[in-house]
Amino acid sequence: MNISNTLTKLLLPYVPAYFRKRIIRGRLPDLQTNLDDITFCEACSIEEYMSCFRLLHDVYVKAGFIQPTTPPLRIIRHHSNPEARVFMGCLTDNQAGKTPIYTASLFPDDKQEGLPMDIGFKRQVDELRSQGRRLVEVGCLASHPLYRKGNKHIPMLGNRLLVSYAINTICADDLLITIHPKYLKIYEDILLFEKIGQISSFSYVNNNPAVALRVDLNTVAQRFKEIYGNMPKKKNLYHFFFESGSTPIELPFEENEDEEKVKRYYGADMIERVIAYSATPQILPLTSG
């Protein structure tokens, strides 16, 4: 056990916010802008969607965020938004296909369905809507337990992909997220989100407590530059997010009428196909061994 690290964790809650943030940011691990053994891609086939939703289900069940379901897939109604996207991080040497070890979904605001966080934070979200801001929520985040502890590279590369997509592809003004309070300092102190609401019971995650956060995508690059711009490049989050290029991501070819395997499914059509397909094959649970 590292006594210095243990003491730091114990004392940090009692350190004034300004100094606490400087300590945490200074202790960031060296950032990797690419991982040779991991490929990030956008889910497009039924099998890829199912793999992501199965990983999400099993991780959320283990964390106590949801109850087990049959089939073991975590799908929410906002996945029916045709602009919603599911991303995945996969091992490049996986001969069995693209089995994800990381997944995240992006949900642009929709006039009919709204956003997932409307369930508990509609007043806060409506306030942003009233300003004419284009909102997108990141949710359904999960990583395989074998690739989670002690490894921040995969989720950080996933964060970079999501921020890049939100800014450059859909031109969003705000990136929103709901998290468990135990992760609040990571998002506030390191990723520069700001809290817009907190509740003690959120039905969306099995009545666990939740915090709603936002980051203004129009000013976030400047904020990162002000805070991280003078840090060494390997610990410089401004360089990581905005100068080193977006996370490499493999995108499938567009639809081809003669090849079903390259068709890209989104929205309600995707959900219908996943549900229909999941009723047929055997879906194995996630294991930690």
Protein backbone atom coordinates (compact mmCIF):
# COMPACT_ATOMS: atom_id res chain seq x y z
CA MET A 1 0.00 0.00 0.00
CA ASN A 2 1.24 3.48 -0.88
CA ILE A 3 0.98 5.44 2.39
CA SER A 4 1.34 8.78 0.62
CA ASN A 5 -1.58 8.07 -1.73
CA THR A 6 -3.73 6.85 1.15
CA LEU A 7 -3.08 9.95 3.23
CA THR A 8 -3.77 12.19 0.24
CA LYS A 9 -7.18 10.56 -0.34
CA LEU A 10 -8.07 10.88 3.34
CA LEU A 11 -7.07 14.54 3.60
CA LEU A 12 -8.32 15.84 0.24
CA PRO A 13 -11.95 16.37 1.39
CA TYR A 14 -10.68 18.80 4.03
CA VAL A 15 -8.43 20.81 1.70
CA PRO A 16 -9.81 24.11 0.33
CA ALA A 17 -11.35 23.63 -3.13
CA TYR A 18 -8.70 25.64 -5.01
CA PHE A 19 -5.80 23.63 -3.60
CA ARG A 20 -7.71 20.33 -3.81
CA LYS A 21 -8.26 20.82 -7.54
CA ARG A 22 -4.61 21.71 -8.13
CA ILE A 23 -3.50 18.57 -6.28
CA ILE A 24 -5.90 16.31 -8.20
CA ARG A 25 -4.99 17.80 -11.59
CA GLY A 26 -1.28 17.54 -10.82
CA ARG A 27 -1.67 13.84 -10.03
CA LEU A 28 -3.20 12.95 -13.39
CA PRO A 29 -1.55 9.91 -14.99
CA ASP A 30 0.28 10.35 -18.28
CA LEU A 31 -2.34 10.55 -21.02
CA GLN A 32 -2.22 8.27 -24.04
CA THR A 33 -3.72 9.63 -27.25
CA ASN A 34 -4.04 6.18 -28.79
CA LEU A 35 -4.05 2.56 -27.63
CA ASP A 36 -2.61 -0.02 -30.00
CA ASP A 37 -4.84 -2.81 -28.69
CA ILE A 38 -8.16 -0.89 -28.60
CA THR A 39 -10.32 0.25 -31.50
CA PHE A 40 -13.23 2.66 -31.05
CA CYS A 41 -16.14 2.35 -33.44
CA GLU A 42 -19.75 3.29 -33.87
CA ALA A 43 -22.14 0.37 -33.39
CA CYS A 44 -24.04 -0.28 -36.60
CA SER A 45 -24.94 -3.98 -36.79
CA ILE A 46 -27.54 -5.76 -34.69
CA GLU A 47 -24.82 -7.90 -33.11
CA GLU A 48 -22.80 -4.84 -32.12
CA TYR A 49 -25.80 -3.13 -30.55
CA MET A 50 -26.64 -6.30 -28.63
CA SER A 51 -23.08 -6.63 -27.35
CA CYS A 52 -23.12 -3.04 -26.08
CA PHE A 53 -26.54 -3.38 -24.46
CA ARG A 54 -25.52 -6.68 -22.84
CA LEU A 55 -22.33 -5.15 -21.41
CA LEU A 56 -24.35 -2.20 -20.14
CA HIS A 57 -26.97 -4.50 -18.56
CA ASP A 58 -24.45 -6.67 -16.74
CA VAL A 59 -22.37 -3.75 -15.43
CA TYR A 60 -25.48 -1.85 -14.26
CA VAL A 61 -26.91 -4.92 -12.54
CA LYS A 62 -23.64 -5.52 -10.69
CA ALA A 63 -23.54 -1.84 -9.65
CA GLY A 64 -27.15 -1.98 -8.39
CA PHE A 65 -28.37 0.56 -10.96
CA ILE A 66 -30.98 -1.77 -12.52
CA GLN A 67 -32.66 -5.11 -11.88
CA PRO A 68 -31.79 -8.07 -14.14
CA THR A 69 -33.94 -8.41 -17.23
CA THR A 70 -34.67 -11.08 -19.82
CA PRO A 71 -33.09 -10.86 -22.29
CA PRO A 72 -30.15 -9.28 -20.45
CA LEU A 73 -30.04 -6.06 -22.48
CA ARG A 74 -30.19 -2.46 -21.23
CA ILE A 75 -32.13 -0.42 -23.80
CA ILE A 76 -33.90 2.85 -23.00
CA ARG A 77 -36.60 4.51 -25.04
CA HIS A 78 -34.25 7.35 -26.02
CA HIS A 79 -32.31 4.89 -28.16
CA SER A 80 -35.30 5.18 -30.51
CA ASN A 81 -34.17 8.71 -31.39
CA PRO A 82 -32.82 8.35 -34.96
CA GLU A 83 -30.00 10.76 -34.06
CA ALA A 84 -28.90 8.71 -31.02
CA ARG A 85 -25.57 6.95 -31.42
CA VAL A 86 -23.95 4.03 -29.59
CA PHE A 87 -20.15 3.88 -29.44
CA MET A 88 -17.92 1.01 -28.39
CA GLY A 89 -14.29 0.29 -27.59
CA CYS A 90 -13.10 -3.16 -28.69
CA LEU A 91 -9.95 -5.23 -28.47
CA THR A 92 -8.21 -5.22 -31.83
CA ASP A 93 -6.97 -8.81 -31.44
CA ASN A 94 -10.42 -10.21 -30.69
CA GLN A 95 -10.91 -12.96 -33.26
CA ALA A 96 -14.50 -13.59 -32.21
CA GLY A 97 -15.69 -10.25 -33.53
CA LYS A 98 -16.21 -6.78 -32.09
CA THR A 99 -16.95 -7.60 -28.45
CA PRO A 100 -17.00 -4.31 -26.55
CA ILE A 101 -15.09 -3.62 -23.35
CA TYR A 102 -16.42 -0.03 -23.29
CA THR A 103 -19.65 1.55 -24.47
CA ALA A 104 -21.37 4.92 -24.32
CA SER A 105 -24.44 6.45 -25.96
CA LEU A 106 -25.14 10.01 -27.08
CA PHE A 107 -28.72 11.31 -27.07
CA PRO A 108 -29.42 14.63 -28.84
CA ASP A 109 -32.44 16.46 -27.44
CA ASP A 110 -35.70 15.39 -29.07
CA LYS A 111 -38.99 17.31 -29.07
CA GLN A 112 -41.05 14.15 -28.48
CA GLU A 113 -38.88 12.07 -26.13
CA GLY A 114 -36.69 14.76 -24.60
CA LEU A 115 -33.57 13.54 -22.78
CA PRO A 116 -33.09 10.70 -20.27
CA MET A 117 -32.34 13.16 -17.45
CA ASP A 118 -35.76 14.81 -17.92
CA ILE A 119 -37.06 12.11 -15.57
CA GLY A 120 -35.41 13.79 -12.60
CA PHE A 121 -34.08 17.12 -13.84
CA LYS A 122 -36.62 18.51 -16.31
CA ARG A 123 -36.69 21.96 -14.72
CA GLN A 124 -32.93 22.38 -15.11
CA VAL A 125 -32.96 21.03 -18.66
CA ASP A 126 -35.92 23.23 -19.65
CA GLU A 127 -33.99 26.26 -18.43
CA LEU A 128 -31.24 25.48 -20.94
CA ARG A 129 -33.81 24.78 -23.66
CA SER A 130 -35.42 28.16 -23.04
CA GLN A 131 -32.10 29.77 -24.02
CA GLY A 132 -32.29 28.10 -27.43
CA ARG A 133 -29.32 25.83 -26.71
CA ARG A 134 -28.79 22.56 -28.58
CA LEU A 135 -28.42 19.86 -25.93
CA VAL A 136 -26.96 16.38 -26.05
CA GLU A 137 -26.76 13.91 -23.17
CA VAL A 138 -24.15 11.23 -22.73
CA GLY A 139 -25.42 8.13 -20.96
CA CYS A 140 -25.44 4.34 -20.87
CA LEU A 141 -21.73 4.35 -20.00
CA ALA A 142 -20.10 1.07 -19.05
CA SER A 143 -16.73 -0.63 -19.18
CA HIS A 144 -15.84 -4.28 -18.62
CA PRO A 145 -14.56 -4.91 -15.05
CA LEU A 146 -11.33 -6.45 -16.37
CA TYR A 147 -10.45 -3.17 -18.11
CA ARG A 148 -11.69 -0.69 -15.54
CA LYS A 149 -9.66 -0.66 -12.35
CA GLY A 150 -6.39 1.19 -12.54
CA ASN A 151 -6.82 1.96 -16.25
CA LYS A 152 -8.08 5.46 -17.03
CA HIS A 153 -6.91 5.46 -20.65
CA ILE A 154 -9.98 3.75 -22.13
CA PRO A 155 -12.63 5.99 -20.50
CA MET A 156 -10.54 9.10 -21.21
CA LEU A 157 -10.27 8.22 -24.90
CA GLY A 158 -14.01 7.55 -24.84
CA ASN A 159 -14.56 11.00 -23.31
CA ARG A 160 -12.48 12.58 -26.06
CA LEU A 161 -14.51 10.81 -28.73
CA LEU A 162 -17.82 11.96 -27.20
CA VAL A 163 -16.70 15.58 -26.83
CA SER A 164 -15.38 15.64 -30.40
CA TYR A 165 -18.60 14.14 -31.80
CA ALA A 166 -20.80 16.53 -29.81
CA ILE A 167 -18.83 19.59 -30.94
CA ASN A 168 -17.81 18.75 -34.49
CA THR A 169 -20.55 16.41 -35.76
CA ILE A 170 -23.81 17.59 -34.19
CA CYS A 171 -22.71 21.11 -33.17
CA ALA A 172 -24.18 20.89 -29.66
CA ASP A 173 -24.00 23.77 -27.20
CA ASP A 174 -24.10 21.70 -24.01
CA LEU A 175 -23.04 18.19 -23.07
CA LEU A 176 -25.14 16.83 -20.18
CA ILE A 177 -24.72 13.81 -17.95
CA THR A 178 -26.15 12.29 -14.77
CA ILE A 179 -23.77 10.47 -12.44
CA HIS A 180 -23.64 8.89 -9.01
CA PRO A 181 -22.43 11.47 -6.44
CA LYS A 182 -19.30 9.40 -5.75
CA TYR A 183 -17.99 10.40 -9.20
CA LEU A 184 -18.75 14.10 -8.80
CA LYS A 185 -15.21 15.30 -8.09
CA ILE A 186 -13.87 13.57 -11.19
CA TYR A 187 -16.32 15.41 -13.42
CA GLU A 188 -16.09 18.74 -11.60
CA ASP A 189 -12.40 18.93 -10.72
CA ILE A 190 -10.89 17.20 -13.78
CA LEU A 191 -13.40 17.33 -16.65
CA LEU A 192 -14.74 20.80 -15.71
CA PHE A 193 -18.45 19.97 -15.64
CA GLU A 194 -20.70 22.11 -13.45
CA LYS A 195 -23.48 20.79 -11.26
CA ILE A 196 -27.01 21.86 -12.22
CA GLY A 197 -29.01 19.62 -9.88
CA GLN A 198 -28.92 16.78 -7.37
CA ILE A 199 -31.55 14.35 -6.11
CA SER A 200 -31.45 11.58 -3.51
CA SER A 201 -33.48 9.05 -5.53
CA PHE A 202 -33.43 8.69 -9.33
CA SER A 203 -35.82 6.11 -10.78
CA TYR A 204 -33.74 5.89 -13.96
CA VAL A 205 -31.01 4.03 -11.99
CA ASN A 206 -33.00 1.96 -9.50
CA ASN A 207 -33.56 4.91 -7.11
CA ASN A 208 -29.85 5.55 -6.54
CA PRO A 209 -28.86 9.18 -5.87
CA ALA A 210 -27.90 11.22 -8.93
CA VAL A 211 -26.20 14.47 -9.83
CA ALA A 212 -26.94 16.34 -13.08
CA LEU A 213 -24.00 18.06 -14.75
CA ARG A 214 -23.36 20.15 -17.85
CA VAL A 215 -20.38 21.49 -19.73
CA ASP A 216 -20.70 24.44 -22.11
CA LEU A 217 -19.16 23.19 -25.35
CA ASN A 218 -18.76 26.72 -26.70
CA THR A 219 -16.34 27.69 -23.94
CA VAL A 220 -14.90 24.38 -22.78
CA ALA A 221 -11.77 24.52 -24.95
CA GLN A 222 -10.81 27.92 -23.52
CA ARG A 223 -11.47 26.72 -19.97
CA PHE A 224 -9.26 23.67 -20.49
CA LYS A 225 -6.55 25.88 -21.97
CA GLU A 226 -6.63 28.24 -18.99
CA ILE A 227 -6.38 25.39 -16.47
CA TYR A 228 -4.24 22.79 -18.23
CA GLY A 229 -2.48 24.76 -20.99
CA ASN A 230 0.82 25.19 -19.13
CA MET A 231 1.04 21.62 -17.83
CA PRO A 232 3.44 19.06 -19.37
CA LYS A 233 1.98 17.61 -22.57
CA LYS A 234 1.50 14.12 -21.10
CA LYS A 235 -0.74 15.58 -18.37
CA ASN A 236 -2.22 18.40 -20.43
CA LEU A 237 -5.95 17.79 -20.90
CA TYR A 238 -6.26 20.78 -23.21
CA HIS A 239 -3.75 19.17 -25.58
CA PHE A 240 -5.40 15.77 -25.13
CA PHE A 241 -8.94 16.95 -25.97
CA PHE A 242 -8.36 19.74 -28.47
CA GLU A 243 -4.89 19.53 -30.04
CA SER A 244 -4.01 15.85 -30.33
CA GLY A 245 -6.88 15.01 -32.69
CA SER A 246 -10.07 13.13 -31.93
CA THR A 247 -10.03 9.52 -30.78
CA PRO A 248 -9.40 7.26 -33.80
CA ILE A 249 -12.72 5.67 -34.69
CA GLU A 250 -13.64 3.17 -37.36
CA LEU A 251 -16.88 4.06 -39.15
CA PRO A 252 -18.70 1.51 -41.31
CA PHE A 253 -19.45 2.01 -44.97
CA GLU A 254 -22.78 3.53 -45.88
CA GLU A 255 -25.78 1.39 -46.76
CA ASN A 256 -25.38 -1.00 -49.62
CA GLU A 257 -28.56 -2.50 -51.06
CA ASP A 258 -26.83 -5.77 -51.92
CA GLU A 259 -25.03 -6.33 -48.63
CA GLU A 260 -27.16 -6.59 -45.51
CA LYS A 261 -24.07 -6.86 -43.30
CA VAL A 262 -23.06 -3.22 -43.85
CA LYS A 263 -26.47 -1.65 -43.27
CA ARG A 264 -26.50 0.90 -40.47
CA TYR A 265 -29.48 0.87 -38.14
CA TYR A 266 -30.59 3.74 -35.92
CA GLY A 267 -33.56 4.71 -33.82
CA ALA A 268 -36.78 2.73 -33.59
CA ASP A 269 -35.76 0.49 -36.50
CA MET A 270 -32.64 -0.54 -34.60
CA ILE A 271 -34.53 -1.25 -31.37
CA GLU A 272 -37.14 -3.37 -33.18
CA ARG A 273 -34.44 -5.44 -34.87
CA VAL A 274 -32.42 -5.90 -31.66
CA ILE A 275 -35.47 -7.03 -29.68
CA ALA A 276 -36.56 -9.41 -32.44
CA TYR A 277 -33.07 -10.83 -32.84
CA SER A 278 -32.47 -11.18 -29.09
CA ALA A 279 -35.43 -13.54 -28.78
CA THR A 280 -33.57 -16.15 -30.86
CA PRO A 281 -29.91 -16.62 -29.86
CA GLN A 282 -28.47 -17.59 -26.49
CA ILE A 283 -27.08 -14.48 -24.76
CA LEU A 284 -24.32 -15.24 -22.32
CA PRO A 285 -23.82 -13.08 -19.20
CA LEU A 286 -20.75 -10.94 -18.65
CA THR A 287 -18.09 -12.64 -16.51
CA SER A 288 -15.21 -11.09 -14.63
CA GLY A 289 -12.89 -14.02 -15.14
